[in-house]
Amino acid sequence: MATSNVKEIGKGNTEVKPAHNTWEVMKPFMHFGLKATGVIASALITIVKNIPKPGKHKQPEYKNDKVIKI
């Protein structure tokens, strides 16, 4: 019988190989960071655009050029 060639389930190679490619490891975090930065930037731009200008709410000055006939 060939008992020396029998493999048991769960008795495989348990060593964890370290990832040598840093970009492959950090890629999801970079994508998340860039998208989050874009969302924050667009929110800030929207907020700044909606801030009223200082002279926008002034009352218009009326001219007293009316002619009153008696």
PDB file of N, CA and C in Angstrom:
ATOM      1  N   MET A   1       0.823  -1.194   0.000  1.00  0.00           N
ATOM      2  CA  MET A   1       0.000   0.000   0.000  1.00  0.00           C
ATOM      3  C   MET A   1       0.863   1.251   0.000  1.00  0.00           C
ATOM      4  N   ALA A   2       0.277   2.314  -0.497  1.00  0.00           N
ATOM      5  CA  ALA A   2       0.997   3.576  -0.596  1.00  0.00           C
ATOM      6  C   ALA A   2       0.554   4.511   0.509  1.00  0.00           C
ATOM      7  N   THR A   3       0.897   4.210   1.729  1.00  0.00           N
ATOM      8  CA  THR A   3       0.481   5.032   2.876  1.00  0.00           C
ATOM      9  C   THR A   3       1.322   6.288   3.017  1.00  0.00           C
ATOM     10  N   SER A   4       2.499   6.321   2.428  1.00  0.00           N
ATOM     11  CA  SER A   4       3.350   7.503   2.557  1.00  0.00           C
ATOM     12  C   SER A   4       2.881   8.646   1.653  1.00  0.00           C
ATOM     13  N   ASN A   5       2.042   8.399   0.675  1.00  0.00           N
ATOM     14  CA  ASN A   5       1.562   9.427  -0.241  1.00  0.00           C
ATOM     15  C   ASN A   5       0.174   9.957   0.139  1.00  0.00           C
ATOM     16  N   VAL A   6      -0.366   9.537   1.261  1.00  0.00           N
ATOM     17  CA  VAL A   6      -1.704   9.960   1.682  1.00  0.00           C
ATOM     18  C   VAL A   6      -1.589  11.347   2.316  1.00  0.00           C
ATOM     19  N   LYS A   7      -2.432  12.296   1.855  1.00  0.00           N
ATOM     20  CA  LYS A   7      -2.459  13.642   2.410  1.00  0.00           C
ATOM     21  C   LYS A   7      -3.711  13.798   3.262  1.00  0.00           C
ATOM     22  N   GLU A   8      -3.554  14.373   4.419  1.00  0.00           N
ATOM     23  CA  GLU A   8      -4.682  14.599   5.293  1.00  0.00           C
ATOM     24  C   GLU A   8      -5.212  16.017   5.068  1.00  0.00           C
ATOM     25  N   ILE A   9      -6.538  16.163   5.153  1.00  0.00           N
ATOM     26  CA  ILE A   9      -7.161  17.475   4.975  1.00  0.00           C
ATOM     27  C   ILE A   9      -6.828  18.337   6.188  1.00  0.00           C
ATOM     28  N   GLY A  10      -6.419  19.560   5.936  1.00  0.00           N
ATOM     29  CA  GLY A  10      -6.102  20.482   7.007  1.00  0.00           C
ATOM     30  C   GLY A  10      -4.675  20.407   7.484  1.00  0.00           C
ATOM     31  N   LYS A  11      -3.878  19.560   6.923  1.00  0.00           N
ATOM     32  CA  LYS A  11      -2.490  19.441   7.350  1.00  0.00           C
ATOM     33  C   LYS A  11      -1.550  20.020   6.291  1.00  0.00           C
ATOM     34  N   GLY A  12      -2.024  21.023   5.582  1.00  0.00           N
ATOM     35  CA  GLY A  12      -1.223  21.606   4.511  1.00  0.00           C
ATOM     36  C   GLY A  12      -0.181  22.571   5.041  1.00  0.00           C
ATOM     37  N   ASN A  13       0.325  23.363   4.168  1.00  0.00           N
ATOM     38  CA  ASN A  13       1.352  24.340   4.508  1.00  0.00           C
ATOM     39  C   ASN A  13       0.700  25.482   5.284  1.00  0.00           C
ATOM     40  N   THR A  14       1.098  25.687   6.526  1.00  0.00           N
ATOM     41  CA  THR A  14       0.494  26.714   7.373  1.00  0.00           C
ATOM     42  C   THR A  14       1.325  27.996   7.414  1.00  0.00           C
ATOM     43  N   GLU A  15       2.400  28.051   6.695  1.00  0.00           N
ATOM     44  CA  GLU A  15       3.234  29.248   6.697  1.00  0.00           C
ATOM     45  C   GLU A  15       2.549  30.352   5.897  1.00  0.00           C
ATOM     46  N   VAL A  16       2.597  31.572   6.413  1.00  0.00           N
ATOM     47  CA  VAL A  16       2.029  32.731   5.727  1.00  0.00           C
ATOM     48  C   VAL A  16       3.162  33.422   4.995  1.00  0.00           C
ATOM     49  N   LYS A  17       2.991  33.563   3.711  1.00  0.00           N
ATOM     50  CA  LYS A  17       4.024  34.227   2.920  1.00  0.00           C
ATOM     51  C   LYS A  17       3.809  35.745   2.992  1.00  0.00           C
ATOM     52  N   PRO A  18       4.838  36.495   3.331  1.00  0.00           N
ATOM     53  CA  PRO A  18       4.669  37.953   3.383  1.00  0.00           C
ATOM     54  C   PRO A  18       4.531  38.520   1.971  1.00  0.00           C
ATOM     55  N   ALA A  19       3.702  39.554   1.872  1.00  0.00           N
ATOM     56  CA  ALA A  19       3.509  40.205   0.575  1.00  0.00           C
ATOM     57  C   ALA A  19       4.724  41.086   0.298  1.00  0.00           C
ATOM     58  N   HIS A  20       5.350  40.869  -0.822  1.00  0.00           N
ATOM     59  CA  HIS A  20       6.543  41.643  -1.163  1.00  0.00           C
ATOM     60  C   HIS A  20       6.200  42.904  -1.942  1.00  0.00           C
ATOM     61  N   ASN A  21       5.017  42.936  -2.539  1.00  0.00           N
ATOM     62  CA  ASN A  21       4.635  44.085  -3.325  1.00  0.00           C
ATOM     63  C   ASN A  21       3.798  45.020  -2.456  1.00  0.00           C
ATOM     64  N   THR A  22       4.367  46.145  -2.072  1.00  0.00           N
ATOM     65  CA  THR A  22       3.688  47.078  -1.178  1.00  0.00           C
ATOM     66  C   THR A  22       2.466  47.687  -1.842  1.00  0.00           C
ATOM     67  N   TRP A  23       2.534  47.948  -3.141  1.00  0.00           N
ATOM     68  CA  TRP A  23       1.408  48.571  -3.837  1.00  0.00           C
ATOM     69  C   TRP A  23       0.178  47.675  -3.800  1.00  0.00           C
ATOM     70  N   GLU A  24       0.337  46.393  -3.968  1.00  0.00           N
ATOM     71  CA  GLU A  24      -0.807  45.482  -3.944  1.00  0.00           C
ATOM     72  C   GLU A  24      -1.461  45.450  -2.568  1.00  0.00           C
ATOM     73  N   VAL A  25      -0.657  45.635  -1.530  1.00  0.00           N
ATOM     74  CA  VAL A  25      -1.200  45.630  -0.178  1.00  0.00           C
ATOM     75  C   VAL A  25      -1.916  46.950   0.115  1.00  0.00           C
ATOM     76  N   MET A  26      -1.332  48.064  -0.283  1.00  0.00           N
ATOM     77  CA  MET A  26      -1.860  49.378   0.066  1.00  0.00           C
ATOM     78  C   MET A  26      -2.891  49.914  -0.925  1.00  0.00           C
ATOM     79  N   LYS A  27      -3.087  49.253  -2.043  1.00  0.00           N
ATOM     80  CA  LYS A  27      -3.967  49.754  -3.095  1.00  0.00           C
ATOM     81  C   LYS A  27      -5.394  50.033  -2.606  1.00  0.00           C
ATOM     82  N   PRO A  28      -6.054  49.134  -1.871  1.00  0.00           N
ATOM     83  CA  PRO A  28      -7.414  49.452  -1.406  1.00  0.00           C
ATOM     84  C   PRO A  28      -7.465  50.656  -0.478  1.00  0.00           C
ATOM     85  N   PHE A  29      -6.449  50.807   0.358  1.00  0.00           N
ATOM     86  CA  PHE A  29      -6.418  51.939   1.282  1.00  0.00           C
ATOM     87  C   PHE A  29      -6.194  53.248   0.534  1.00  0.00           C
ATOM     88  N   MET A  30      -5.362  53.202  -0.505  1.00  0.00           N
ATOM     89  CA  MET A  30      -5.121  54.401  -1.301  1.00  0.00           C
ATOM     90  C   MET A  30      -6.390  54.815  -2.045  1.00  0.00           C
ATOM     91  N   HIS A  31      -7.089  53.854  -2.615  1.00  0.00           N
ATOM     92  CA  HIS A  31      -8.335  54.175  -3.333  1.00  0.00           C
ATOM     93  C   HIS A  31      -9.356  54.774  -2.373  1.00  0.00           C
ATOM     94  N   PHE A  32      -9.489  54.190  -1.192  1.00  0.00           N
ATOM     95  CA  PHE A  32     -10.431  54.723  -0.210  1.00  0.00           C
ATOM     96  C   PHE A  32     -10.028  56.138   0.206  1.00  0.00           C
ATOM     97  N   GLY A  33      -8.749  56.353   0.443  1.00  0.00           N
ATOM     98  CA  GLY A  33      -8.277  57.677   0.870  1.00  0.00           C
ATOM     99  C   GLY A  33      -8.511  58.732  -0.188  1.00  0.00           C
ATOM    100  N   LEU A  34      -8.247  58.395  -1.444  1.00  0.00           N
ATOM    101  CA  LEU A  34      -8.449  59.361  -2.518  1.00  0.00           C
ATOM    102  C   LEU A  34      -9.926  59.686  -2.706  1.00  0.00           C
ATOM    103  N   LYS A  35     -10.777  58.681  -2.655  1.00  0.00           N
ATOM    104  CA  LYS A  35     -12.206  58.930  -2.812  1.00  0.00           C
ATOM    105  C   LYS A  35     -12.760  59.717  -1.625  1.00  0.00           C
ATOM    106  N   ALA A  36     -12.298  59.420  -0.425  1.00  0.00           N
ATOM    107  CA  ALA A  36     -12.754  60.166   0.748  1.00  0.00           C
ATOM    108  C   ALA A  36     -12.298  61.623   0.670  1.00  0.00           C
ATOM    109  N   THR A  37     -11.081  61.847   0.209  1.00  0.00           N
ATOM    110  CA  THR A  37     -10.581  63.213   0.050  1.00  0.00           C
ATOM    111  C   THR A  37     -11.409  63.968  -0.984  1.00  0.00           C
ATOM    112  N   GLY A  38     -11.791  63.302  -2.064  1.00  0.00           N
ATOM    113  CA  GLY A  38     -12.634  63.931  -3.078  1.00  0.00           C
ATOM    114  C   GLY A  38     -14.001  64.304  -2.544  1.00  0.00           C
ATOM    115  N   VAL A  39     -14.590  63.436  -1.727  1.00  0.00           N
ATOM    116  CA  VAL A  39     -15.906  63.733  -1.142  1.00  0.00           C
ATOM    117  C   VAL A  39     -15.810  64.929  -0.197  1.00  0.00           C
ATOM    118  N   ILE A  40     -14.778  64.956   0.618  1.00  0.00           N
ATOM    119  CA  ILE A  40     -14.602  66.067   1.563  1.00  0.00           C
ATOM    120  C   ILE A  40     -14.359  67.371   0.810  1.00  0.00           C
ATOM    121  N   ALA A  41     -13.548  67.316  -0.240  1.00  0.00           N
ATOM    122  CA  ALA A  41     -13.261  68.527  -1.022  1.00  0.00           C
ATOM    123  C   ALA A  41     -14.521  69.050  -1.693  1.00  0.00           C
ATOM    124  N   SER A  42     -15.314  68.165  -2.286  1.00  0.00           N
ATOM    125  CA  SER A  42     -16.533  68.634  -2.954  1.00  0.00           C
ATOM    126  C   SER A  42     -17.526  69.205  -1.951  1.00  0.00           C
ATOM    127  N   ALA A  43     -17.592  68.630  -0.752  1.00  0.00           N
ATOM    128  CA  ALA A  43     -18.474  69.174   0.285  1.00  0.00           C
ATOM    129  C   ALA A  43     -18.012  70.568   0.712  1.00  0.00           C
ATOM    130  N   LEU A  44     -16.706  70.742   0.876  1.00  0.00           N
ATOM    131  CA  LEU A  44     -16.194  72.061   1.266  1.00  0.00           C
ATOM    132  C   LEU A  44     -16.427  73.100   0.175  1.00  0.00           C
ATOM    133  N   ILE A  45     -16.263  72.713  -1.082  1.00  0.00           N
ATOM    134  CA  ILE A  45     -16.507  73.643  -2.186  1.00  0.00           C
ATOM    135  C   ILE A  45     -17.974  74.056  -2.208  1.00  0.00           C
ATOM    136  N   THR A  46     -18.871  73.100  -2.004  1.00  0.00           N
ATOM    137  CA  THR A  46     -20.305  73.412  -1.979  1.00  0.00           C
ATOM    138  C   THR A  46     -20.644  74.355  -0.830  1.00  0.00           C
ATOM    139  N   ILE A  47     -20.055  74.117   0.321  1.00  0.00           N
ATOM    140  CA  ILE A  47     -20.322  74.984   1.475  1.00  0.00           C
ATOM    141  C   ILE A  47     -19.816  76.389   1.218  1.00  0.00           C
ATOM    142  N   VAL A  48     -18.611  76.512   0.682  1.00  0.00           N
ATOM    143  CA  VAL A  48     -18.037  77.836   0.435  1.00  0.00           C
ATOM    144  C   VAL A  48     -18.833  78.585  -0.628  1.00  0.00           C
ATOM    145  N   LYS A  49     -19.327  77.882  -1.645  1.00  0.00           N
ATOM    146  CA  LYS A  49     -20.117  78.539  -2.687  1.00  0.00           C
ATOM    147  C   LYS A  49     -21.448  79.044  -2.152  1.00  0.00           C
ATOM    148  N   ASN A  50     -22.007  78.381  -1.141  1.00  0.00           N
ATOM    149  CA  ASN A  50     -23.307  78.778  -0.610  1.00  0.00           C
ATOM    150  C   ASN A  50     -23.234  79.823   0.489  1.00  0.00           C
ATOM    151  N   ILE A  51     -22.056  80.247   0.887  1.00  0.00           N
ATOM    152  CA  ILE A  51     -21.924  81.309   1.876  1.00  0.00           C
ATOM    153  C   ILE A  51     -22.270  82.628   1.186  1.00  0.00           C
ATOM    154  N   PRO A  52     -23.194  83.403   1.769  1.00  0.00           N
ATOM    155  CA  PRO A  52     -23.576  84.660   1.116  1.00  0.00           C
ATOM    156  C   PRO A  52     -22.431  85.669   1.127  1.00  0.00           C
ATOM    157  N   LYS A  53     -22.393  86.470   0.093  1.00  0.00           N
ATOM    158  CA  LYS A  53     -21.381  87.515  -0.027  1.00  0.00           C
ATOM    159  C   LYS A  53     -21.714  88.654   0.950  1.00  0.00           C
ATOM    160  N   PRO A  54     -20.733  89.414   1.414  1.00  0.00           N
ATOM    161  CA  PRO A  54     -20.997  90.459   2.406  1.00  0.00           C
ATOM    162  C   PRO A  54     -21.954  91.548   1.919  1.00  0.00           C
ATOM    163  N   GLY A  55     -21.881  91.979   0.690  1.00  0.00           N
ATOM    164  CA  GLY A  55     -22.722  93.067   0.202  1.00  0.00           C
ATOM    165  C   GLY A  55     -24.002  92.605  -0.455  1.00  0.00           C
ATOM    166  N   LYS A  56     -24.301  91.359  -0.386  1.00  0.00           N
ATOM    167  CA  LYS A  56     -25.447  90.816  -1.116  1.00  0.00           C
ATOM    168  C   LYS A  56     -26.783  91.178  -0.453  1.00  0.00           C
ATOM    169  N   HIS A  57     -26.814  91.327   0.852  1.00  0.00           N
ATOM    170  CA  HIS A  57     -28.068  91.528   1.555  1.00  0.00           C
ATOM    171  C   HIS A  57     -28.337  92.990   1.902  1.00  0.00           C
ATOM    172  N   LYS A  58     -27.586  93.920   1.345  1.00  0.00           N
ATOM    173  CA  LYS A  58     -27.817  95.331   1.628  1.00  0.00           C
ATOM    174  C   LYS A  58     -29.092  95.798   0.937  1.00  0.00           C
ATOM    175  N   GLN A  59     -29.766  96.716   1.600  1.00  0.00           N
ATOM    176  CA  GLN A  59     -30.962  97.299   1.017  1.00  0.00           C
ATOM    177  C   GLN A  59     -30.558  98.261  -0.100  1.00  0.00           C
ATOM    178  N   PRO A  60     -31.249  98.208  -1.231  1.00  0.00           N
ATOM    179  CA  PRO A  60     -30.907  99.158  -2.299  1.00  0.00           C
ATOM    180  C   PRO A  60     -31.299 100.575  -1.881  1.00  0.00           C
ATOM    181  N   GLU A  61     -30.457 101.520  -2.226  1.00  0.00           N
ATOM    182  CA  GLU A  61     -30.729 102.917  -1.884  1.00  0.00           C
ATOM    183  C   GLU A  61     -31.724 103.477  -2.897  1.00  0.00           C
ATOM    184  N   TYR A  62     -32.767 104.060  -2.356  1.00  0.00           N
ATOM    185  CA  TYR A  62     -33.794 104.633  -3.233  1.00  0.00           C
ATOM    186  C   TYR A  62     -33.430 106.062  -3.589  1.00  0.00           C
ATOM    187  N   LYS A  63     -33.692 106.392  -4.824  1.00  0.00           N
ATOM    188  CA  LYS A  63     -33.427 107.760  -5.277  1.00  0.00           C
ATOM    189  C   LYS A  63     -34.657 108.625  -4.985  1.00  0.00           C
ATOM    190  N   ASN A  64     -34.423 109.820  -4.594  1.00  0.00           N
ATOM    191  CA  ASN A  64     -35.519 110.757  -4.304  1.00  0.00           C
ATOM    192  C   ASN A  64     -35.709 111.703  -5.487  1.00  0.00           C
ATOM    193  N   ASP A  65     -35.818 111.160  -6.661  1.00  0.00           N
ATOM    194  CA  ASP A  65     -36.014 111.984  -7.848  1.00  0.00           C
ATOM    195  C   ASP A  65     -37.480 112.076  -8.231  1.00  0.00           C
ATOM    196  N   LYS A  66     -38.369 111.759  -7.334  1.00  0.00           N
ATOM    197  CA  LYS A  66     -39.790 111.802  -7.642  1.00  0.00           C
ATOM    198  C   LYS A  66     -40.269 113.258  -7.679  1.00  0.00           C
ATOM    199  N   VAL A  67     -41.125 113.506  -8.614  1.00  0.00           N
ATOM    200  CA  VAL A  67     -41.696 114.843  -8.739  1.00  0.00           C
ATOM    201  C   VAL A  67     -43.120 114.773  -8.192  1.00  0.00           C
ATOM    202  N   ILE A  68     -43.356 115.608  -7.201  1.00  0.00           N
ATOM    203  CA  ILE A  68     -44.673 115.631  -6.595  1.00  0.00           C
ATOM    204  C   ILE A  68     -45.418 116.846  -7.130  1.00  0.00           C
ATOM    205  N   LYS A  69     -46.551 116.623  -7.786  1.00  0.00           N
ATOM    206  CA  LYS A  69     -47.364 117.735  -8.328  1.00  0.00           C
ATOM    207  C   LYS A  69     -48.512 118.006  -7.381  1.00  0.00           C
ATOM    208  N   ILE A  70     -48.698 119.320  -7.114  1.00  0.00           N
ATOM    209  CA  ILE A  70     -49.789 119.708  -6.221  1.00  0.00           C
ATOM    210  C   ILE A  70     -50.873 120.387  -7.034  1.00  0.00           C
TER     211      ILE A  70
END
